[in-house]
Structures are given as C-alpha cells and as structure tokens.
C-alpha cells in the first residue's frame, strides 16, 4: 500500500510514516505490507505533543 503525498520515516528502522497533505498529517502503521491503522490529525502542533512510541 502506498500513502500518497510527501512521506518520510521517523527513523531508518521505523514502520511509521508521516504523510503531510496540506493541513493534515497522516500516521500509518504498516506491518507485513498491510495498513493496520491510520489516524488523521489536523493540528500539527497537537501531533508534536503526542508520543508516537507509547
């Protein structure tokens, strides 16, 4: 599965991808080639306050 838009890994070994589309930031957790969950956070500042590694 491909998440469209400018995407980047949080680090080299991470399965998390951040894809920013205009004002939305998409979090996709990909494991085994399948998208398990995706969360849309419209506020980038809110995203910065969240821990991605609970």
PDB file of N, CA and C in Angstrom:
ATOM      1  N   UNK A   1       0.848  -1.200   0.000  1.00  0.00           N
ATOM      2  CA  UNK A   1       0.000   0.000   0.000  1.00  0.00           C
ATOM      3  C   UNK A   1       0.875   1.239   0.000  1.00  0.00           C
ATOM      4  N   UNK A   2       0.499   2.206  -0.794  1.00  0.00           N
ATOM      5  CA  UNK A   2       1.261   3.449  -0.898  1.00  0.00           C
ATOM      6  C   UNK A   2       0.432   4.588  -0.336  1.00  0.00           C
ATOM      7  N   UNK A   3       1.033   5.354   0.557  1.00  0.00           N
ATOM      8  CA  UNK A   3       0.379   6.548   1.073  1.00  0.00           C
ATOM      9  C   UNK A   3       0.840   7.726   0.226  1.00  0.00           C
ATOM     10  N   UNK A   4      -0.098   8.366  -0.425  1.00  0.00           N
ATOM     11  CA  UNK A   4       0.251   9.428  -1.358  1.00  0.00           C
ATOM     12  C   UNK A   4       0.668  10.690  -0.615  1.00  0.00           C
ATOM     13  N   UNK A   5       1.469  11.484  -1.297  1.00  0.00           N
ATOM     14  CA  UNK A   5       1.933  12.725  -0.711  1.00  0.00           C
ATOM     15  C   UNK A   5       3.343  12.582  -0.195  1.00  0.00           C
ATOM     16  N   UNK A   6       3.964  13.673   0.234  1.00  0.00           N
ATOM     17  CA  UNK A   6       5.328  13.636   0.760  1.00  0.00           C
ATOM     18  C   UNK A   6       5.377  12.858   2.060  1.00  0.00           C
ATOM     19  N   UNK A   7       6.024  11.699   2.022  1.00  0.00           N
ATOM     20  CA  UNK A   7       6.065  10.828   3.197  1.00  0.00           C
ATOM     21  C   UNK A   7       7.505  10.652   3.646  1.00  0.00           C
ATOM     22  N   UNK A   8       7.687  10.425   4.935  1.00  0.00           N
ATOM     23  CA  UNK A   8       9.025  10.163   5.441  1.00  0.00           C
ATOM     24  C   UNK A   8       8.932   9.261   6.658  1.00  0.00           C
ATOM     25  N   UNK A   9       9.953   8.470   6.846  1.00  0.00           N
ATOM     26  CA  UNK A   9      10.027   7.625   8.032  1.00  0.00           C
ATOM     27  C   UNK A   9      10.536   8.460   9.196  1.00  0.00           C
ATOM     28  N   UNK A  10      10.036   8.142  10.398  1.00  0.00           N
ATOM     29  CA  UNK A  10      10.512   8.852  11.579  1.00  0.00           C
ATOM     30  C   UNK A  10      11.970   8.521  11.847  1.00  0.00           C
ATOM     31  N   UNK A  11      12.353   7.292  11.589  1.00  0.00           N
ATOM     32  CA  UNK A  11      13.756   6.910  11.630  1.00  0.00           C
ATOM     33  C   UNK A  11      13.953   5.727  10.703  1.00  0.00           C
ATOM     34  N   UNK A  12      15.201   5.344  10.517  1.00  0.00           N
ATOM     35  CA  UNK A  12      15.529   4.353   9.498  1.00  0.00           C
ATOM     36  C   UNK A  12      14.839   3.012   9.736  1.00  0.00           C
ATOM     37  N   UNK A  13      14.642   2.651  11.014  1.00  0.00           N
ATOM     38  CA  UNK A  13      14.078   1.350  11.323  1.00  0.00           C
ATOM     39  C   UNK A  13      12.586   1.373  11.601  1.00  0.00           C
ATOM     40  N   UNK A  14      11.979   2.559  11.542  1.00  0.00           N
ATOM     41  CA  UNK A  14      10.584   2.682  11.942  1.00  0.00           C
ATOM     42  C   UNK A  14       9.645   2.239  10.833  1.00  0.00           C
ATOM     43  N   UNK A  15       8.510   1.670  11.235  1.00  0.00           N
ATOM     44  CA  UNK A  15       7.468   1.328  10.289  1.00  0.00           C
ATOM     45  C   UNK A  15       6.449   2.443  10.167  1.00  0.00           C
ATOM     46  N   UNK A  16       6.589   3.439  11.064  1.00  0.00           N
ATOM     47  CA  UNK A  16       5.691   4.588  10.996  1.00  0.00           C
ATOM     48  C   UNK A  16       6.068   5.471   9.816  1.00  0.00           C
ATOM     49  N   UNK A  17       5.050   6.022   9.185  1.00  0.00           N
ATOM     50  CA  UNK A  17       5.288   7.006   8.143  1.00  0.00           C
ATOM     51  C   UNK A  17       4.432   8.239   8.449  1.00  0.00           C
ATOM     52  N   UNK A  18       4.990   9.391   8.187  1.00  0.00           N
ATOM     53  CA  UNK A  18       4.216  10.620   8.307  1.00  0.00           C
ATOM     54  C   UNK A  18       4.019  11.183   6.906  1.00  0.00           C
ATOM     55  N   UNK A  19       2.765  11.382   6.549  1.00  0.00           N
ATOM     56  CA  UNK A  19       2.455  11.948   5.239  1.00  0.00           C
ATOM     57  C   UNK A  19       1.649  13.214   5.451  1.00  0.00           C
ATOM     58  N   UNK A  20       2.204  14.308   4.996  1.00  0.00           N
ATOM     59  CA  UNK A  20       1.527  15.581   5.198  1.00  0.00           C
ATOM     60  C   UNK A  20       0.805  15.974   3.911  1.00  0.00           C
ATOM     61  N   UNK A  21      -0.476  16.225   4.037  1.00  0.00           N
ATOM     62  CA  UNK A  21      -1.270  16.666   2.905  1.00  0.00           C
ATOM     63  C   UNK A  21      -1.960  17.953   3.310  1.00  0.00           C
ATOM     64  N   UNK A  22      -1.447  19.063   2.819  1.00  0.00           N
ATOM     65  CA  UNK A  22      -1.945  20.384   3.171  1.00  0.00           C
ATOM     66  C   UNK A  22      -1.890  20.569   4.686  1.00  0.00           C
ATOM     67  N   UNK A  23      -3.038  20.584   5.374  1.00  0.00           N
ATOM     68  CA  UNK A  23      -3.044  20.819   6.812  1.00  0.00           C
ATOM     69  C   UNK A  23      -3.191  19.525   7.592  1.00  0.00           C
ATOM     70  N   UNK A  24      -3.240  18.387   6.889  1.00  0.00           N
ATOM     71  CA  UNK A  24      -3.442  17.130   7.579  1.00  0.00           C
ATOM     72  C   UNK A  24      -2.154  16.320   7.609  1.00  0.00           C
ATOM     73  N   UNK A  25      -1.942  15.640   8.717  1.00  0.00           N
ATOM     74  CA  UNK A  25      -0.802  14.747   8.847  1.00  0.00           C
ATOM     75  C   UNK A  25      -1.342  13.348   9.103  1.00  0.00           C
ATOM     76  N   UNK A  26      -0.959  12.408   8.248  1.00  0.00           N
ATOM     77  CA  UNK A  26      -1.472  11.053   8.329  1.00  0.00           C
ATOM     78  C   UNK A  26      -0.416  10.157   8.967  1.00  0.00           C
ATOM     79  N   UNK A  27      -0.844   9.371   9.958  1.00  0.00           N
ATOM     80  CA  UNK A  27       0.027   8.397  10.588  1.00  0.00           C
ATOM     81  C   UNK A  27      -0.411   7.013  10.146  1.00  0.00           C
ATOM     82  N   UNK A  28       0.455   6.304   9.502  1.00  0.00           N
ATOM     83  CA  UNK A  28       0.124   4.948   9.100  1.00  0.00           C
ATOM     84  C   UNK A  28       1.113   3.963   9.696  1.00  0.00           C
ATOM     85  N   UNK A  29       0.607   2.943  10.347  1.00  0.00           N
ATOM     86  CA  UNK A  29       1.481   1.910  10.877  1.00  0.00           C
ATOM     87  C   UNK A  29       1.386   0.701   9.970  1.00  0.00           C
ATOM     88  N   UNK A  30       2.462   0.414   9.250  1.00  0.00           N
ATOM     89  CA  UNK A  30       2.456  -0.633   8.244  1.00  0.00           C
ATOM     90  C   UNK A  30       3.274  -1.822   8.753  1.00  0.00           C
ATOM     91  N   UNK A  31       2.650  -2.989   8.746  1.00  0.00           N
ATOM     92  CA  UNK A  31       3.327  -4.201   9.196  1.00  0.00           C
ATOM     93  C   UNK A  31       2.935  -5.321   8.239  1.00  0.00           C
ATOM     94  N   UNK A  32       3.912  -6.005   7.717  1.00  0.00           N
ATOM     95  CA  UNK A  32       3.638  -7.104   6.806  1.00  0.00           C
ATOM     96  C   UNK A  32       2.971  -6.655   5.521  1.00  0.00           C
ATOM     97  N   UNK A  33       3.165  -5.377   5.167  1.00  0.00           N
ATOM     98  CA  UNK A  33       2.616  -4.865   3.925  1.00  0.00           C
ATOM     99  C   UNK A  33       1.167  -4.419   4.033  1.00  0.00           C
ATOM    100  N   UNK A  34       0.591  -4.503   5.215  1.00  0.00           N
ATOM    101  CA  UNK A  34      -0.805  -4.105   5.393  1.00  0.00           C
ATOM    102  C   UNK A  34      -0.902  -2.905   6.323  1.00  0.00           C
ATOM    103  N   UNK A  35      -1.814  -2.021   5.992  1.00  0.00           N
ATOM    104  CA  UNK A  35      -2.026  -0.843   6.836  1.00  0.00           C
ATOM    105  C   UNK A  35      -2.966  -1.213   7.976  1.00  0.00           C
ATOM    106  N   UNK A  36      -2.435  -1.265   9.199  1.00  0.00           N
ATOM    107  CA  UNK A  36      -3.214  -1.696  10.345  1.00  0.00           C
ATOM    108  C   UNK A  36      -4.096  -0.591  10.903  1.00  0.00           C
ATOM    109  N   UNK A  37      -3.551   0.596  10.924  1.00  0.00           N
ATOM    110  CA  UNK A  37      -4.351   1.703  11.443  1.00  0.00           C
ATOM    111  C   UNK A  37      -3.841   3.004  10.856  1.00  0.00           C
ATOM    112  N   UNK A  38      -4.740   3.946  10.724  1.00  0.00           N
ATOM    113  CA  UNK A  38      -4.345   5.270  10.234  1.00  0.00           C
ATOM    114  C   UNK A  38      -5.127   6.324  10.995  1.00  0.00           C
ATOM    115  N   UNK A  39      -4.427   7.344  11.432  1.00  0.00           N
ATOM    116  CA  UNK A  39      -5.020   8.399  12.234  1.00  0.00           C
ATOM    117  C   UNK A  39      -4.774   9.720  11.538  1.00  0.00           C
ATOM    118  N   UNK A  40      -5.795  10.511  11.433  1.00  0.00           N
ATOM    119  CA  UNK A  40      -5.652  11.832  10.831  1.00  0.00           C
ATOM    120  C   UNK A  40      -5.666  12.874  11.936  1.00  0.00           C
ATOM    121  N   UNK A  41      -4.589  13.629  12.020  1.00  0.00           N
ATOM    122  CA  UNK A  41      -4.505  14.717  12.992  1.00  0.00           C
ATOM    123  C   UNK A  41      -4.382  16.009  12.209  1.00  0.00           C
ATOM    124  N   UNK A  42      -5.374  16.870  12.352  1.00  0.00           N
ATOM    125  CA  UNK A  42      -5.400  18.092  11.554  1.00  0.00           C
ATOM    126  C   UNK A  42      -4.485  19.171  12.108  1.00  0.00           C
ATOM    127  N   UNK A  43      -4.160  19.063  13.390  1.00  0.00           N
ATOM    128  CA  UNK A  43      -3.345  20.089  14.022  1.00  0.00           C
ATOM    129  C   UNK A  43      -1.924  19.562  14.191  1.00  0.00           C
ATOM    130  N   UNK A  44      -0.998  20.125  13.446  1.00  0.00           N
ATOM    131  CA  UNK A  44       0.388  19.680  13.508  1.00  0.00           C
ATOM    132  C   UNK A  44       0.979  19.902  14.895  1.00  0.00           C
ATOM    133  N   UNK A  45       0.581  20.966  15.565  1.00  0.00           N
ATOM    134  CA  UNK A  45       1.095  21.247  16.900  1.00  0.00           C
ATOM    135  C   UNK A  45       0.630  20.183  17.881  1.00  0.00           C
ATOM    136  N   UNK A  46      -0.604  19.713  17.708  1.00  0.00           N
ATOM    137  CA  UNK A  46      -1.117  18.658  18.562  1.00  0.00           C
ATOM    138  C   UNK A  46      -0.307  17.385  18.360  1.00  0.00           C
ATOM    139  N   UNK A  47       0.035  17.104  17.105  1.00  0.00           N
ATOM    140  CA  UNK A  47       0.822  15.918  16.801  1.00  0.00           C
ATOM    141  C   UNK A  47       2.168  15.945  17.513  1.00  0.00           C
ATOM    142  N   UNK A  48       2.778  17.127  17.581  1.00  0.00           N
ATOM    143  CA  UNK A  48       4.087  17.261  18.212  1.00  0.00           C
ATOM    144  C   UNK A  48       4.027  16.910  19.702  1.00  0.00           C
ATOM    145  N   UNK A  49       2.850  17.098  20.297  1.00  0.00           N
ATOM    146  CA  UNK A  49       2.706  16.827  21.717  1.00  0.00           C
ATOM    147  C   UNK A  49       2.411  15.366  22.004  1.00  0.00           C
ATOM    148  N   UNK A  50       2.083  14.606  20.961  1.00  0.00           N
ATOM    149  CA  UNK A  50       1.735  13.204  21.149  1.00  0.00           C
ATOM    150  C   UNK A  50       2.990  12.339  21.098  1.00  0.00           C
ATOM    151  N   UNK A  51       2.964  11.267  21.881  1.00  0.00           N
ATOM    152  CA  UNK A  51       4.061  10.310  21.829  1.00  0.00           C
ATOM    153  C   UNK A  51       3.721   9.245  20.797  1.00  0.00           C
ATOM    154  N   UNK A  52       4.636   9.022  19.852  1.00  0.00           N
ATOM    155  CA  UNK A  52       4.399   8.018  18.825  1.00  0.00           C
ATOM    156  C   UNK A  52       4.870   6.640  19.276  1.00  0.00           C
ATOM    157  N   UNK A  53       5.487   6.588  20.450  1.00  0.00           N
ATOM    158  CA  UNK A  53       6.034   5.314  20.931  1.00  0.00           C
ATOM    159  C   UNK A  53       5.495   5.015  22.323  1.00  0.00           C
ATOM    160  N   UNK A  54       4.207   4.803  22.420  1.00  0.00           N
ATOM    161  CA  UNK A  54       3.584   4.507  23.710  1.00  0.00           C
ATOM    162  C   UNK A  54       4.101   3.182  24.251  1.00  0.00           C
TER     163      UNK A  54
END
